[in-house]
C-alpha cells in the first residue's frame, strides 16, 4: 500500500511534467495525460487526486484534439493550459504545505519563538504599505520583532491580503488607488496618521505607486518620516531614460538608451547606425504592468 505522501509526490511530479510539456507547446505528447490518468486510477488513491488527474487529462486532451498534430500551441491556449497547470500544482502541493505549516506551528508551541522580541528605547508606530507584497510581510515581521507597533495598508481590491494576518500587525487598512483617486488616497493616509499617531511610513508598494509616496512626504506632519527618496529624485530614478542619463553623468557604464515619443524620434535614433545585428529593447519609460510583458526588439 502506497503512503499518502508518496501518492501526492507522484501527482505533483506528473503535474509538473505535464506543465513543462505544454509550456513547450508540444501538443502531441498526450501520453503524459494517459500516464497521469492511468497511474492514479490503477492505484485507487481516493477521490481528490483522481479529480486533479481527471481535470489535467481533460485539459490536455481537449488541447490536443483541437490543434493539428505537431502544431505549436497558440499563445491563448498556451496561457490557459499554463494557468490550469499552475492551479493543479497548487492543489497537489496542498498536503505538503499544510504539513509544513503544522510542523512550524508545533515547533513554535514546543520550542518557543525563533526570534527574541526587541525592546527599543522608543517604540515607533510604523505603517507598512503594499500589503499584498511578500516584501511587506518581511518588513512587517522585522519591524514587529524589533519591538515596534505595526500597521499595514493596501489598495483595493486586495482587501484580504496575507500581510493583514501577520502576528505583528495591529490593524490593516484598505486604501483607494493613488493613481486613480489621488485626493481620496492622501486623505486616507492622513487619517491613518492622525488616528494611530504614525511615526514612520515604509512603502512596499508596486513601482507605479512609489512616486506617490515620494511626493507625499512633503505634505505630512513634520514628525512623520517616509522611508523613500524625495519626489524629484524618485521621478528621475523611476523613468528609465532619465535614470540612464543619471548613470551617464556619473560616468558609469550603461546600455545605449534613447527617448522615443514619436516615429520621428525612432527614425532619428536609428539613423546612421550600422546594420551589425545589434538589437534594442523597446520598453515604456515608466512602469507599466501590462506593457512590461510585451517586450519588443528593434
Protein backbone atom coordinates (compact mmCIF):
# COMPACT_ATOMS: atom_id res chain seq x y z
CA UNK A 1 0.00 0.00 0.00
CA UNK A 2 1.39 3.36 -1.01
CA UNK A 3 1.64 6.05 1.64
CA UNK A 4 -0.32 9.27 1.28
CA UNK A 5 2.90 11.24 0.97
CA UNK A 6 4.22 9.15 -1.90
CA UNK A 7 0.87 9.36 -3.66
CA UNK A 8 0.89 13.15 -3.62
CA UNK A 9 4.55 13.31 -4.65
CA UNK A 10 3.73 11.27 -7.76
CA UNK A 11 0.75 13.51 -8.55
CA UNK A 12 2.93 16.61 -8.11
CA UNK A 13 5.74 15.27 -10.31
CA UNK A 14 3.39 14.20 -13.10
CA UNK A 15 1.57 17.55 -12.97
CA UNK A 16 4.91 19.34 -13.25
CA UNK A 17 5.87 17.17 -16.24
CA UNK A 18 2.58 17.98 -17.93
CA UNK A 19 3.08 21.70 -17.31
CA UNK A 20 6.59 21.60 -18.77
CA UNK A 21 5.47 19.69 -21.83
CA UNK A 22 2.60 22.04 -22.54
CA UNK A 23 4.71 25.14 -21.91
CA UNK A 24 6.91 23.98 -24.79
CA UNK A 25 3.80 23.88 -26.96
CA UNK A 26 4.14 20.17 -27.91
CA UNK A 27 0.55 19.05 -28.26
CA UNK A 28 1.22 15.52 -29.48
CA UNK A 29 2.64 14.49 -26.09
CA UNK A 30 -0.75 13.44 -24.81
CA UNK A 31 0.88 10.30 -23.47
CA UNK A 32 1.66 12.31 -20.34
CA UNK A 33 -2.05 12.73 -19.73
CA UNK A 34 -2.61 9.00 -20.26
CA UNK A 35 0.09 8.12 -17.73
CA UNK A 36 -1.39 10.66 -15.35
CA UNK A 37 -4.90 9.19 -15.50
CA UNK A 38 -3.90 5.50 -15.62
CA UNK A 39 -1.48 5.76 -12.72
CA UNK A 40 -3.97 7.47 -10.45
CA UNK A 41 -6.89 5.22 -11.37
CA UNK A 42 -4.98 1.95 -11.00
CA UNK A 43 -3.63 2.92 -7.60
CA UNK A 44 -7.12 3.74 -6.21
CA UNK A 45 -5.86 6.74 -4.30
CA UNK A 46 -9.18 8.30 -3.49
CA UNK A 47 -11.39 10.96 -5.00
CA UNK A 48 -9.32 14.15 -4.65
CA UNK A 49 -6.15 13.02 -6.51
CA UNK A 50 -8.43 11.46 -9.10
CA UNK A 51 -10.25 14.78 -9.64
CA UNK A 52 -6.90 16.52 -10.09
CA UNK A 53 -5.74 13.87 -12.56
CA UNK A 54 -9.01 13.83 -14.48
CA UNK A 55 -9.02 17.63 -14.79
CA UNK A 56 -5.48 17.68 -16.14
CA UNK A 57 -6.23 14.80 -18.51
CA UNK A 58 -9.31 16.53 -19.89
CA UNK A 59 -7.47 19.82 -20.40
CA UNK A 60 -4.57 18.21 -22.25
CA UNK A 61 -6.86 16.01 -24.34
CA UNK A 62 -9.03 18.95 -25.39
CA UNK A 63 -6.00 20.99 -26.38
CA UNK A 64 -4.61 18.04 -28.34
CA UNK A 65 -7.88 17.37 -30.18
CA UNK A 66 -8.39 20.97 -31.24
CA UNK A 67 -4.93 21.62 -32.65
CA UNK A 68 -3.39 19.71 -35.56
CA UNK A 69 -0.74 17.17 -34.76
CA UNK A 70 2.70 18.67 -34.37
CA UNK A 71 1.46 22.25 -34.31
CA UNK A 72 2.69 24.50 -31.55
CA UNK A 73 0.17 25.80 -29.05
CA UNK A 74 -1.01 29.37 -29.84
CA UNK A 75 -0.48 31.93 -27.14
CA UNK A 76 -4.10 31.88 -25.95
CA UNK A 77 -4.15 28.12 -25.44
CA UNK A 78 -0.66 28.10 -24.00
CA UNK A 79 -1.69 30.70 -21.43
CA UNK A 80 -4.83 28.78 -20.46
CA UNK A 81 -3.01 25.48 -20.12
CA UNK A 82 -0.25 27.07 -18.07
CA UNK A 83 -2.80 28.66 -15.75
CA UNK A 84 -4.62 25.35 -15.32
CA UNK A 85 -1.32 23.55 -14.70
CA UNK A 86 -0.39 26.13 -12.06
CA UNK A 87 -3.72 25.59 -10.27
CA UNK A 88 -3.23 21.83 -10.37
CA UNK A 89 0.26 22.17 -8.96
CA UNK A 90 -1.11 24.26 -6.09
CA UNK A 91 -3.75 21.64 -5.38
CA UNK A 92 -1.19 18.85 -5.46
CA UNK A 93 1.12 20.82 -3.17
CA UNK A 94 -1.58 21.49 -0.56
CA UNK A 95 -0.86 18.46 1.69
CA UNK A 96 2.87 19.20 1.70
CA UNK A 97 2.32 22.87 2.53
CA UNK A 98 -0.20 22.07 5.26
CA UNK A 99 2.20 19.55 6.79
CA UNK A 100 4.98 22.12 6.66
CA UNK A 101 2.81 24.75 8.35
CA UNK A 102 1.72 22.27 11.04
CA UNK A 103 5.34 21.33 11.75
CA UNK A 104 6.30 25.01 12.08
CA UNK A 105 3.36 25.62 14.44
CA UNK A 106 4.28 22.63 16.62
CA UNK A 107 7.92 23.75 16.74
CA UNK A 108 6.80 27.22 17.85
CA UNK A 109 4.50 25.79 20.53
CA UNK A 110 7.07 23.32 21.89
CA UNK A 111 10.39 25.14 21.49
CA UNK A 112 9.16 28.71 21.58
CA UNK A 113 9.65 31.52 19.03
CA UNK A 114 12.77 31.59 16.86
CA UNK A 115 13.27 35.31 17.45
CA UNK A 116 13.56 37.31 20.65
CA UNK A 117 11.35 40.38 20.52
CA UNK A 118 13.33 43.60 20.81
CA UNK A 119 12.87 46.33 23.39
CA UNK A 120 13.63 49.69 21.72
CA UNK A 121 14.13 52.83 23.78
CA UNK A 122 11.24 54.39 21.88
CA UNK A 123 8.51 52.30 20.33
CA UNK A 124 7.62 53.64 16.90
CA UNK A 125 4.27 53.29 15.24
CA UNK A 126 5.03 52.12 11.71
CA UNK A 127 2.73 51.97 8.70
CA UNK A 128 3.82 49.39 6.10
CA UNK A 129 2.02 49.78 2.78
CA UNK A 130 1.81 47.36 -0.12
CA UNK A 131 0.33 44.56 1.96
CA UNK A 132 -0.08 42.13 -0.93
CA UNK A 133 3.68 42.02 -1.50
CA UNK A 134 5.84 39.38 0.17
CA UNK A 135 8.38 42.10 0.96
CA UNK A 136 5.69 43.87 3.02
CA UNK A 137 5.30 40.74 5.16
CA UNK A 138 9.05 40.56 5.67
CA UNK A 139 9.26 44.23 6.66
CA UNK A 140 6.23 43.99 9.00
CA UNK A 141 7.74 40.99 10.78
CA UNK A 142 11.18 42.57 11.05
CA UNK A 143 9.79 45.82 12.47
CA UNK A 144 7.45 43.95 14.83
CA UNK A 145 10.23 41.70 16.11
CA UNK A 146 12.24 44.79 16.88
CA UNK A 147 9.51 45.85 19.29
CA UNK A 148 7.66 48.49 17.27
CA UNK A 149 3.90 48.67 16.65
CA UNK A 150 3.00 47.78 13.07
CA UNK A 151 0.04 48.74 10.89
CA UNK A 152 -0.40 47.70 7.27
CA UNK A 153 -2.34 49.02 4.29
CA UNK A 154 -3.07 48.02 0.71
CA UNK A 155 -5.13 49.37 -2.15
CA UNK A 156 -8.37 47.87 -3.40
CA UNK A 157 -9.20 45.18 -4.40
CA UNK A 158 -6.58 43.46 -2.19
CA UNK A 159 -8.69 43.69 0.94
CA UNK A 160 -7.77 40.26 2.31
CA UNK A 161 -4.05 40.16 1.56
CA UNK A 162 -1.83 37.83 3.58
CA UNK A 163 0.06 40.56 5.44
CA UNK A 164 -3.01 41.68 7.39
CA UNK A 165 -2.98 38.33 9.20
CA UNK A 166 0.63 38.67 10.38
CA UNK A 167 1.07 38.24 14.14
CA UNK A 168 2.80 41.60 14.49
CA UNK A 169 0.16 43.62 12.61
CA UNK A 170 -2.14 45.55 14.93
CA UNK A 171 -4.57 46.76 12.26
CA UNK A 172 -4.93 46.66 8.48
CA UNK A 173 -6.33 49.43 6.26
CA UNK A 174 -7.70 49.44 2.72
CA UNK A 175 -6.75 52.45 0.59
CA UNK A 176 -8.01 53.98 -2.66
CA UNK A 177 -5.66 53.76 -5.63
CA UNK A 178 -3.29 56.75 -5.59
CA UNK A 179 -3.09 56.91 -9.39
CA UNK A 180 -6.90 56.86 -9.79
CA UNK A 181 -8.10 58.73 -6.69
CA UNK A 182 -5.10 60.74 -5.50
CA UNK A 183 -7.04 63.10 -3.22
CA UNK A 184 -9.01 60.29 -1.54
CA UNK A 185 -5.81 58.25 -1.16
CA UNK A 186 -3.92 61.09 0.53
CA UNK A 187 -6.88 61.81 2.80
CA UNK A 188 -6.95 58.14 3.86
CA UNK A 189 -3.21 58.19 4.65
CA UNK A 190 -3.56 61.41 6.65
CA UNK A 191 -6.48 59.89 8.58
CA UNK A 192 -4.44 56.80 9.50
CA UNK A 193 -1.56 59.01 10.67
CA UNK A 194 -3.88 61.04 12.88
CA UNK A 195 -5.78 58.01 14.21
CA UNK A 196 -2.75 55.89 15.12
CA UNK A 197 -0.06 58.55 15.62
CA UNK A 198 2.16 57.08 12.90
CA UNK A 199 5.86 57.94 13.14
CA UNK A 200 7.22 56.16 10.07
CA UNK A 201 5.80 55.02 6.71
CA UNK A 202 7.61 52.23 4.86
CA UNK A 203 6.20 51.85 1.31
CA UNK A 204 6.48 48.29 -0.06
CA UNK A 205 4.10 49.04 -2.90
CA UNK A 206 4.22 48.30 -6.59
CA UNK A 207 6.57 50.60 -8.55
CA UNK A 208 3.69 52.56 -10.03
CA UNK A 209 2.83 53.89 -6.54
CA UNK A 210 6.38 54.74 -5.47
CA UNK A 211 6.23 58.27 -6.85
CA UNK A 212 3.03 59.00 -4.90
CA UNK A 213 4.68 58.17 -1.58
CA UNK A 214 7.81 60.10 -2.50
CA UNK A 215 5.78 63.26 -3.09
CA UNK A 216 3.54 62.64 -0.09
CA UNK A 217 6.32 63.27 2.43
CA UNK A 218 6.21 66.98 1.60
CA UNK A 219 2.64 67.26 2.91
CA UNK A 220 2.89 65.13 6.06
CA UNK A 221 3.35 66.34 9.63
CA UNK A 222 6.99 67.09 10.43
CA UNK A 223 7.38 64.19 12.85
CA UNK A 224 6.31 61.62 10.21
CA UNK A 225 9.11 60.12 8.13
CA UNK A 226 8.74 58.26 4.84
CA UNK A 227 11.32 55.60 4.01
CA UNK A 228 11.75 56.77 0.41
CA UNK A 229 13.59 59.25 -1.79
CA UNK A 230 12.12 62.71 -2.19
CA UNK A 231 9.76 63.31 -5.09
CA UNK A 232 12.23 64.79 -7.56
CA UNK A 233 14.82 62.04 -7.15
CA UNK A 234 12.16 59.32 -7.23
CA UNK A 235 10.75 60.61 -10.52
CA UNK A 236 14.24 60.71 -12.04
CA UNK A 237 15.01 57.15 -10.98
CA UNK A 238 11.57 55.81 -11.91
CA UNK A 239 11.90 56.92 -15.54
CA UNK A 240 14.20 54.56 -17.43
CA UNK A 241 15.59 57.28 -19.71
CA UNK A 242 16.33 59.87 -17.01
CA UNK A 243 17.78 57.10 -14.84
CA UNK A 244 20.08 56.16 -17.72
CA UNK A 245 21.14 59.77 -18.14
CA UNK A 246 21.93 59.99 -14.43
CA UNK A 247 24.24 56.98 -14.86
CA UNK A 248 25.91 58.59 -17.87
CA UNK A 249 26.52 61.83 -15.94
CA UNK A 250 28.04 59.79 -13.11
CA UNK A 251 30.45 58.18 -15.58
CA UNK A 252 29.06 54.68 -15.11
CA UNK A 253 28.86 52.10 -17.88
CA UNK A 254 25.29 51.51 -19.09
CA UNK A 255 23.43 50.44 -22.26
CA UNK A 256 22.85 52.96 -25.03
CA UNK A 257 19.40 54.42 -24.44
CA UNK A 258 17.16 56.74 -26.40
CA UNK A 259 13.90 58.52 -25.57
CA UNK A 260 11.26 57.98 -28.26
CA UNK A 261 7.89 59.71 -28.12
CA UNK A 262 7.07 59.55 -31.85
CA UNK A 263 8.02 57.77 -35.07
CA UNK A 264 10.33 60.66 -35.94
CA UNK A 265 12.25 60.13 -32.69
CA UNK A 266 12.74 56.47 -33.56
CA UNK A 267 13.96 57.24 -37.09
CA UNK A 268 16.37 59.84 -35.74
CA UNK A 269 17.74 57.41 -33.14
CA UNK A 270 18.45 54.66 -35.70
CA UNK A 271 19.74 56.99 -38.40
CA UNK A 272 23.37 56.22 -39.26
CA UNK A 273 23.58 53.14 -37.07
CA UNK A 274 25.33 50.16 -38.75
CA UNK A 275 23.36 47.02 -39.55
CA UNK A 276 25.55 44.80 -37.41
CA UNK A 277 22.77 42.70 -35.90
CA UNK A 278 22.55 44.68 -32.68
CA UNK A 279 19.01 44.88 -31.34
CA UNK A 280 17.43 47.39 -28.99
CA UNK A 281 14.72 46.65 -26.43
CA UNK A 282 11.64 48.88 -26.61
CA UNK A 283 10.04 49.42 -23.18
CA UNK A 284 7.82 52.08 -21.60
CA UNK A 285 9.81 54.83 -19.91
CA UNK A 286 7.78 54.42 -16.73
CA UNK A 287 6.44 51.27 -15.10
CA UNK A 288 3.52 49.66 -16.91
CA UNK A 289 2.36 46.27 -15.51
CA UNK A 290 0.72 45.28 -18.82
CA UNK A 291 3.26 46.54 -21.33
CA UNK A 292 6.17 45.03 -19.40
CA UNK A 293 5.09 41.55 -20.57
CA UNK A 294 5.22 42.53 -24.26
CA UNK A 295 8.88 43.23 -24.95
CA UNK A 296 9.63 44.47 -28.46
CA UNK A 297 13.02 44.19 -30.15
CA UNK A 298 14.19 46.52 -32.94
